[in-house]
């Protein structure tokens, strides 16, 4: 399973990119709105140049024609741009058109298997099931990842599954076991992926032994 980071903050992206584990980036209008003194398009290009992998930039139109127009403009920005489109009927029209033009798409706000299958059949490059938001309402987000992975395997579907709305390290673990191709992870959660109390204890013991030799 590959790691994406879910942010539009260049300091966060730069830090995690230096770990050598980052395969791509996802953003959304809420994340970009937090960034000051830079345009949405300029920030996307900046991220693409740094990471050198897929970078999802989301459309804001709700009608297919607007999504298609925005998607084409986003795709012109950089070869690594992926157009992020909501899981709606209008979104599927846009995905169908853009995919036929060779533009990569990421269908977001997926909450069940038939949404994921529909997006894949429309031509989506990626589908993004939201684990955390399902868990919030008492449903099994990880089971959704597993079910989508099974369906895509049975029907030989190439669309990649991005586990989104990741809330903790357990979600990363579960998504990997459930068959997600990618987890898009907030900065605060990625920072915890190297941590374990026994690791800290082991380092302390090694240093203590070395200093007492």
C-alpha atoms as a PDB file:
ATOM      1  CA  UNK A   1       0.000   0.000   0.000  1.00  0.00           C
ATOM      2  CA  UNK A   2       1.319   3.412  -0.998  1.00  0.00           C
ATOM      3  CA  UNK A   3       1.261   6.517   1.198  1.00  0.00           C
ATOM      4  CA  UNK A   4      -0.242   9.822   0.092  1.00  0.00           C
ATOM      5  CA  UNK A   5      -0.439  12.824   2.408  1.00  0.00           C
ATOM      6  CA  UNK A   6      -3.715  14.708   2.744  1.00  0.00           C
ATOM      7  CA  UNK A   7      -2.709  18.353   3.021  1.00  0.00           C
ATOM      8  CA  UNK A   8      -1.887  21.472   1.030  1.00  0.00           C
ATOM      9  CA  UNK A   9       0.820  22.674   3.411  1.00  0.00           C
ATOM     10  CA  UNK A  10       4.254  22.728   1.788  1.00  0.00           C
ATOM     11  CA  UNK A  11       6.185  22.416   5.056  1.00  0.00           C
ATOM     12  CA  UNK A  12       4.289  19.246   5.936  1.00  0.00           C
ATOM     13  CA  UNK A  13       4.680  17.796   2.453  1.00  0.00           C
ATOM     14  CA  UNK A  14       8.389  18.624   2.333  1.00  0.00           C
ATOM     15  CA  UNK A  15       9.073  17.012   5.702  1.00  0.00           C
ATOM     16  CA  UNK A  16       7.321  13.737   4.895  1.00  0.00           C
ATOM     17  CA  UNK A  17       8.706  13.665   1.354  1.00  0.00           C
ATOM     18  CA  UNK A  18      12.190  13.611   2.882  1.00  0.00           C
ATOM     19  CA  UNK A  19      11.324  10.279   4.521  1.00  0.00           C
ATOM     20  CA  UNK A  20      11.273   8.691   1.080  1.00  0.00           C
ATOM     21  CA  UNK A  21       7.837   7.128   1.613  1.00  0.00           C
ATOM     22  CA  UNK A  22       5.557   9.641  -0.109  1.00  0.00           C
ATOM     23  CA  UNK A  23       3.945   8.558  -3.400  1.00  0.00           C
ATOM     24  CA  UNK A  24       1.441  11.379  -3.858  1.00  0.00           C
ATOM     25  CA  UNK A  25      -0.740  14.089  -2.336  1.00  0.00           C
ATOM     26  CA  UNK A  26      -4.460  14.740  -2.016  1.00  0.00           C
ATOM     27  CA  UNK A  27      -5.998  18.135  -1.376  1.00  0.00           C
ATOM     28  CA  UNK A  28      -9.494  19.581  -1.166  1.00  0.00           C
ATOM     29  CA  UNK A  29     -10.953  23.104  -1.064  1.00  0.00           C
ATOM     30  CA  UNK A  30     -10.981  23.103   2.748  1.00  0.00           C
ATOM     31  CA  UNK A  31      -7.274  22.249   2.950  1.00  0.00           C
ATOM     32  CA  UNK A  32      -6.277  24.785   0.296  1.00  0.00           C
ATOM     33  CA  UNK A  33      -8.340  27.495   1.997  1.00  0.00           C
ATOM     34  CA  UNK A  34      -6.045  27.197   5.031  1.00  0.00           C
ATOM     35  CA  UNK A  35      -3.036  28.199   2.941  1.00  0.00           C
ATOM     36  CA  UNK A  36      -2.387  31.927   2.648  1.00  0.00           C
ATOM     37  CA  UNK A  37      -0.766  34.128   0.009  1.00  0.00           C
ATOM     38  CA  UNK A  38      -0.787  31.570  -2.800  1.00  0.00           C
ATOM     39  CA  UNK A  39      -3.330  30.624  -5.434  1.00  0.00           C
ATOM     40  CA  UNK A  40      -4.859  27.162  -5.605  1.00  0.00           C
ATOM     41  CA  UNK A  41      -3.300  26.461  -9.003  1.00  0.00           C
ATOM     42  CA  UNK A  42       0.142  27.710  -8.018  1.00  0.00           C
ATOM     43  CA  UNK A  43       0.115  25.533  -4.907  1.00  0.00           C
ATOM     44  CA  UNK A  44      -0.831  22.441  -6.934  1.00  0.00           C
ATOM     45  CA  UNK A  45       2.068  23.019  -9.321  1.00  0.00           C
ATOM     46  CA  UNK A  46       4.443  23.553  -6.393  1.00  0.00           C
ATOM     47  CA  UNK A  47       3.362  20.248  -4.856  1.00  0.00           C
ATOM     48  CA  UNK A  48       3.675  18.388  -8.176  1.00  0.00           C
ATOM     49  CA  UNK A  49       7.205  19.641  -8.690  1.00  0.00           C
ATOM     50  CA  UNK A  50       8.266  18.579  -5.209  1.00  0.00           C
ATOM     51  CA  UNK A  51       6.623  15.151  -4.965  1.00  0.00           C
ATOM     52  CA  UNK A  52       6.807  13.961  -8.567  1.00  0.00           C
ATOM     53  CA  UNK A  53       3.706  11.787  -8.138  1.00  0.00           C
ATOM     54  CA  UNK A  54      -0.087  12.052  -8.371  1.00  0.00           C
ATOM     55  CA  UNK A  55      -1.538  15.221  -6.845  1.00  0.00           C
ATOM     56  CA  UNK A  56      -5.323  15.444  -6.534  1.00  0.00           C
ATOM     57  CA  UNK A  57      -6.898  18.876  -6.975  1.00  0.00           C
ATOM     58  CA  UNK A  58     -10.655  19.078  -6.464  1.00  0.00           C
ATOM     59  CA  UNK A  59     -13.228  20.792  -8.647  1.00  0.00           C
ATOM     60  CA  UNK A  60     -15.831  23.025  -7.028  1.00  0.00           C
ATOM     61  CA  UNK A  61     -18.522  22.971  -9.717  1.00  0.00           C
ATOM     62  CA  UNK A  62     -21.598  20.835  -9.110  1.00  0.00           C
ATOM     63  CA  UNK A  63     -22.645  20.502 -12.764  1.00  0.00           C
ATOM     64  CA  UNK A  64     -20.878  18.203 -15.204  1.00  0.00           C
ATOM     65  CA  UNK A  65     -20.020  20.939 -17.710  1.00  0.00           C
ATOM     66  CA  UNK A  66     -18.364  23.019 -15.005  1.00  0.00           C
ATOM     67  CA  UNK A  67     -16.473  20.016 -13.646  1.00  0.00           C
ATOM     68  CA  UNK A  68     -15.219  19.150 -17.120  1.00  0.00           C
ATOM     69  CA  UNK A  69     -14.050  22.704 -17.759  1.00  0.00           C
ATOM     70  CA  UNK A  70     -12.314  22.898 -14.381  1.00  0.00           C
ATOM     71  CA  UNK A  71     -10.813  19.439 -14.859  1.00  0.00           C
ATOM     72  CA  UNK A  72      -9.303  20.357 -18.200  1.00  0.00           C
ATOM     73  CA  UNK A  73      -7.783  23.502 -16.711  1.00  0.00           C
ATOM     74  CA  UNK A  74      -6.362  21.590 -13.768  1.00  0.00           C
ATOM     75  CA  UNK A  75      -4.894  18.914 -16.034  1.00  0.00           C
ATOM     76  CA  UNK A  76      -3.045  21.578 -18.019  1.00  0.00           C
ATOM     77  CA  UNK A  77      -1.173  22.692 -14.919  1.00  0.00           C
ATOM     78  CA  UNK A  78       1.100  19.650 -14.625  1.00  0.00           C
ATOM     79  CA  UNK A  79       1.422  16.072 -15.813  1.00  0.00           C
ATOM     80  CA  UNK A  80       0.943  14.769 -12.256  1.00  0.00           C
ATOM     81  CA  UNK A  81      -2.413  16.450 -11.644  1.00  0.00           C
ATOM     82  CA  UNK A  82      -5.364  14.178 -10.858  1.00  0.00           C
ATOM     83  CA  UNK A  83      -8.802  15.777 -11.019  1.00  0.00           C
ATOM     84  CA  UNK A  84     -10.788  15.097  -7.866  1.00  0.00           C
ATOM     85  CA  UNK A  85     -14.525  14.813  -8.500  1.00  0.00           C
ATOM     86  CA  UNK A  86     -17.409  14.115  -6.085  1.00  0.00           C
ATOM     87  CA  UNK A  87     -19.437  10.911  -6.329  1.00  0.00           C
ATOM     88  CA  UNK A  88     -22.599  12.284  -7.954  1.00  0.00           C
ATOM     89  CA  UNK A  89     -24.461  11.651 -11.195  1.00  0.00           C
ATOM     90  CA  UNK A  90     -23.017  14.886 -12.592  1.00  0.00           C
ATOM     91  CA  UNK A  91     -19.604  13.808 -11.374  1.00  0.00           C
ATOM     92  CA  UNK A  92     -19.869  10.536 -13.280  1.00  0.00           C
ATOM     93  CA  UNK A  93     -20.647  12.427 -16.489  1.00  0.00           C
ATOM     94  CA  UNK A  94     -17.509  14.491 -15.939  1.00  0.00           C
ATOM     95  CA  UNK A  95     -15.369  11.442 -15.126  1.00  0.00           C
ATOM     96  CA  UNK A  96     -16.537   9.727 -18.295  1.00  0.00           C
ATOM     97  CA  UNK A  97     -15.596  12.678 -20.488  1.00  0.00           C
ATOM     98  CA  UNK A  98     -12.286  13.438 -18.779  1.00  0.00           C
ATOM     99  CA  UNK A  99     -11.151   9.812 -18.716  1.00  0.00           C
ATOM    100  CA  UNK A 100     -11.751   9.516 -22.467  1.00  0.00           C
ATOM    101  CA  UNK A 101      -9.470  12.540 -22.872  1.00  0.00           C
ATOM    102  CA  UNK A 102      -6.714  10.809 -20.909  1.00  0.00           C
ATOM    103  CA  UNK A 103      -7.190  12.952 -17.793  1.00  0.00           C
ATOM    104  CA  UNK A 104      -6.802  11.073 -14.510  1.00  0.00           C
ATOM    105  CA  UNK A 105      -9.610  11.353 -11.974  1.00  0.00           C
ATOM    106  CA  UNK A 106     -10.114  10.615  -8.289  1.00  0.00           C
ATOM    107  CA  UNK A 107     -13.743  10.104  -7.277  1.00  0.00           C
ATOM    108  CA  UNK A 108     -14.177  11.278  -3.713  1.00  0.00           C
ATOM    109  CA  UNK A 109     -16.846  10.963  -1.018  1.00  0.00           C
ATOM    110  CA  UNK A 110     -17.441   7.274  -1.711  1.00  0.00           C
ATOM    111  CA  UNK A 111     -19.407   5.504   1.023  1.00  0.00           C
ATOM    112  CA  UNK A 112     -20.544   2.180  -0.434  1.00  0.00           C
ATOM    113  CA  UNK A 113     -19.474  -0.502  -2.878  1.00  0.00           C
ATOM    114  CA  UNK A 114     -21.858   0.379  -5.675  1.00  0.00           C
ATOM    115  CA  UNK A 115     -20.648   3.973  -5.675  1.00  0.00           C
ATOM    116  CA  UNK A 116     -17.089   2.686  -6.046  1.00  0.00           C
ATOM    117  CA  UNK A 117     -18.055   0.266  -8.820  1.00  0.00           C
ATOM    118  CA  UNK A 118     -20.030   2.950 -10.653  1.00  0.00           C
ATOM    119  CA  UNK A 119     -17.094   5.369 -10.472  1.00  0.00           C
ATOM    120  CA  UNK A 120     -14.725   2.692 -11.752  1.00  0.00           C
ATOM    121  CA  UNK A 121     -17.013   1.888 -14.673  1.00  0.00           C
ATOM    122  CA  UNK A 122     -17.249   5.583 -15.514  1.00  0.00           C
ATOM    123  CA  UNK A 123     -13.468   5.558 -15.922  1.00  0.00           C
ATOM    124  CA  UNK A 124     -12.115   6.762 -12.576  1.00  0.00           C
ATOM    125  CA  UNK A 125      -8.397   6.288 -12.033  1.00  0.00           C
ATOM    126  CA  UNK A 126      -8.918   6.251  -8.267  1.00  0.00           C
ATOM    127  CA  UNK A 127     -11.865   5.927  -5.877  1.00  0.00           C
ATOM    128  CA  UNK A 128     -11.684   7.326  -2.351  1.00  0.00           C
ATOM    129  CA  UNK A 129     -13.841   5.552   0.271  1.00  0.00           C
ATOM    130  CA  UNK A 130     -14.042   7.574   3.497  1.00  0.00           C
ATOM    131  CA  UNK A 131     -13.228   5.260   6.411  1.00  0.00           C
ATOM    132  CA  UNK A 132     -13.403   7.665   9.335  1.00  0.00           C
ATOM    133  CA  UNK A 133     -16.716   9.236   8.421  1.00  0.00           C
ATOM    134  CA  UNK A 134     -18.337   5.808   8.223  1.00  0.00           C
ATOM    135  CA  UNK A 135     -16.866   4.836  11.583  1.00  0.00           C
ATOM    136  CA  UNK A 136     -18.305   8.071  13.001  1.00  0.00           C
ATOM    137  CA  UNK A 137     -21.852   6.881  12.291  1.00  0.00           C
ATOM    138  CA  UNK A 138     -21.307   3.362  13.588  1.00  0.00           C
ATOM    139  CA  UNK A 139     -20.556   1.619  10.291  1.00  0.00           C
ATOM    140  CA  UNK A 140     -17.448  -0.403   9.391  1.00  0.00           C
ATOM    141  CA  UNK A 141     -15.275   1.750   7.178  1.00  0.00           C
ATOM    142  CA  UNK A 142     -12.607  -0.930   6.881  1.00  0.00           C
ATOM    143  CA  UNK A 143     -15.128  -3.507   5.722  1.00  0.00           C
ATOM    144  CA  UNK A 144     -15.995  -1.180   2.853  1.00  0.00           C
ATOM    145  CA  UNK A 145     -12.346  -1.127   1.747  1.00  0.00           C
ATOM    146  CA  UNK A 146     -12.239  -4.919   1.844  1.00  0.00           C
ATOM    147  CA  UNK A 147     -15.499  -5.289  -0.085  1.00  0.00           C
ATOM    148  CA  UNK A 148     -14.424  -2.863  -2.807  1.00  0.00           C
ATOM    149  CA  UNK A 149     -11.067  -4.621  -3.128  1.00  0.00           C
ATOM    150  CA  UNK A 150     -12.853  -7.976  -3.531  1.00  0.00           C
ATOM    151  CA  UNK A 151     -15.224  -6.607  -6.177  1.00  0.00           C
ATOM    152  CA  UNK A 152     -12.413  -5.000  -8.151  1.00  0.00           C
ATOM    153  CA  UNK A 153     -10.416  -8.244  -8.011  1.00  0.00           C
ATOM    154  CA  UNK A 154     -13.361 -10.398  -9.124  1.00  0.00           C
ATOM    155  CA  UNK A 155     -14.099  -8.128 -12.079  1.00  0.00           C
ATOM    156  CA  UNK A 156     -10.475  -7.328 -12.965  1.00  0.00           C
ATOM    157  CA  UNK A 157     -10.913  -3.577 -12.429  1.00  0.00           C
ATOM    158  CA  UNK A 158      -7.759  -1.452 -12.559  1.00  0.00           C
ATOM    159  CA  UNK A 159      -9.142   1.521 -10.606  1.00  0.00           C
ATOM    160  CA  UNK A 160      -7.039   2.051  -7.491  1.00  0.00           C
ATOM    161  CA  UNK A 161      -8.565   2.324  -4.024  1.00  0.00           C
ATOM    162  CA  UNK A 162      -7.491   5.291  -1.884  1.00  0.00           C
ATOM    163  CA  UNK A 163      -8.437   4.819   1.769  1.00  0.00           C
ATOM    164  CA  UNK A 164      -9.419   8.328   2.868  1.00  0.00           C
ATOM    165  CA  UNK A 165     -10.629   9.990   6.065  1.00  0.00           C
ATOM    166  CA  UNK A 166      -7.819   8.247   7.949  1.00  0.00           C
ATOM    167  CA  UNK A 167      -7.966   9.129  11.646  1.00  0.00           C
ATOM    168  CA  UNK A 168      -5.231   7.055  13.294  1.00  0.00           C
ATOM    169  CA  UNK A 169      -2.479   4.473  12.852  1.00  0.00           C
ATOM    170  CA  UNK A 170      -5.022   1.673  13.211  1.00  0.00           C
ATOM    171  CA  UNK A 171      -6.767   2.911  10.095  1.00  0.00           C
ATOM    172  CA  UNK A 172      -3.482   2.710   8.171  1.00  0.00           C
ATOM    173  CA  UNK A 173      -2.916  -0.851   9.399  1.00  0.00           C
ATOM    174  CA  UNK A 174      -6.478  -1.873   8.587  1.00  0.00           C
ATOM    175  CA  UNK A 175      -6.488  -0.299   5.150  1.00  0.00           C
ATOM    176  CA  UNK A 176      -3.318  -2.155   4.201  1.00  0.00           C
ATOM    177  CA  UNK A 177      -4.781  -5.487   5.326  1.00  0.00           C
ATOM    178  CA  UNK A 178      -8.126  -4.785   3.646  1.00  0.00           C
ATOM    179  CA  UNK A 179      -6.536  -4.305   0.237  1.00  0.00           C
ATOM    180  CA  UNK A 180      -6.349  -0.548  -0.263  1.00  0.00           C
ATOM    181  CA  UNK A 181      -3.817   0.447  -2.921  1.00  0.00           C
ATOM    182  CA  UNK A 182      -3.183   3.772  -1.224  1.00  0.00           C
ATOM    183  CA  UNK A 183      -3.897   5.471   2.099  1.00  0.00           C
ATOM    184  CA  UNK A 184      -4.088   9.251   2.068  1.00  0.00           C
ATOM    185  CA  UNK A 185      -3.065  10.268   5.550  1.00  0.00           C
ATOM    186  CA  UNK A 186      -3.134  13.552   7.477  1.00  0.00           C
ATOM    187  CA  UNK A 187       0.229  14.930   8.545  1.00  0.00           C
ATOM    188  CA  UNK A 188      -0.438  14.402  12.260  1.00  0.00           C
ATOM    189  CA  UNK A 189      -1.122  10.701  11.691  1.00  0.00           C
ATOM    190  CA  UNK A 190       1.864  10.152   9.384  1.00  0.00           C
ATOM    191  CA  UNK A 191       4.111  11.633  12.056  1.00  0.00           C
ATOM    192  CA  UNK A 192       3.019   8.850  14.409  1.00  0.00           C
ATOM    193  CA  UNK A 193       3.809   5.996  12.011  1.00  0.00           C
ATOM    194  CA  UNK A 194       7.428   5.728  13.151  1.00  0.00           C
ATOM    195  CA  UNK A 195       6.536   5.728  16.851  1.00  0.00           C
ATOM    196  CA  UNK A 196       6.320   2.892  19.354  1.00  0.00           C
ATOM    197  CA  UNK A 197       7.135   2.978  23.082  1.00  0.00           C
ATOM    198  CA  UNK A 198       9.281  -0.165  22.801  1.00  0.00           C
ATOM    199  CA  UNK A 199      11.329   1.497  20.049  1.00  0.00           C
ATOM    200  CA  UNK A 200      11.965   4.457  22.352  1.00  0.00           C
ATOM    201  CA  UNK A 201      12.793   2.129  25.219  1.00  0.00           C
ATOM    202  CA  UNK A 202      15.165   0.120  23.057  1.00  0.00           C
ATOM    203  CA  UNK A 203      17.043   3.235  21.920  1.00  0.00           C
ATOM    204  CA  UNK A 204      17.359   4.411  25.514  1.00  0.00           C
ATOM    205  CA  UNK A 205      18.759   1.011  26.523  1.00  0.00           C
ATOM    206  CA  UNK A 206      21.246   0.920  23.646  1.00  0.00           C
ATOM    207  CA  UNK A 207      22.523   4.379  24.559  1.00  0.00           C
ATOM    208  CA  UNK A 208      22.718   3.545  28.242  1.00  0.00           C
ATOM    209  CA  UNK A 209      24.679   0.360  27.504  1.00  0.00           C
ATOM    210  CA  UNK A 210      27.020   2.266  25.227  1.00  0.00           C
ATOM    211  CA  UNK A 211      27.662   5.014  27.764  1.00  0.00           C
ATOM    212  CA  UNK A 212      28.376   2.451  30.526  1.00  0.00           C
ATOM    213  CA  UNK A 213      30.795   0.265  28.579  1.00  0.00           C
END
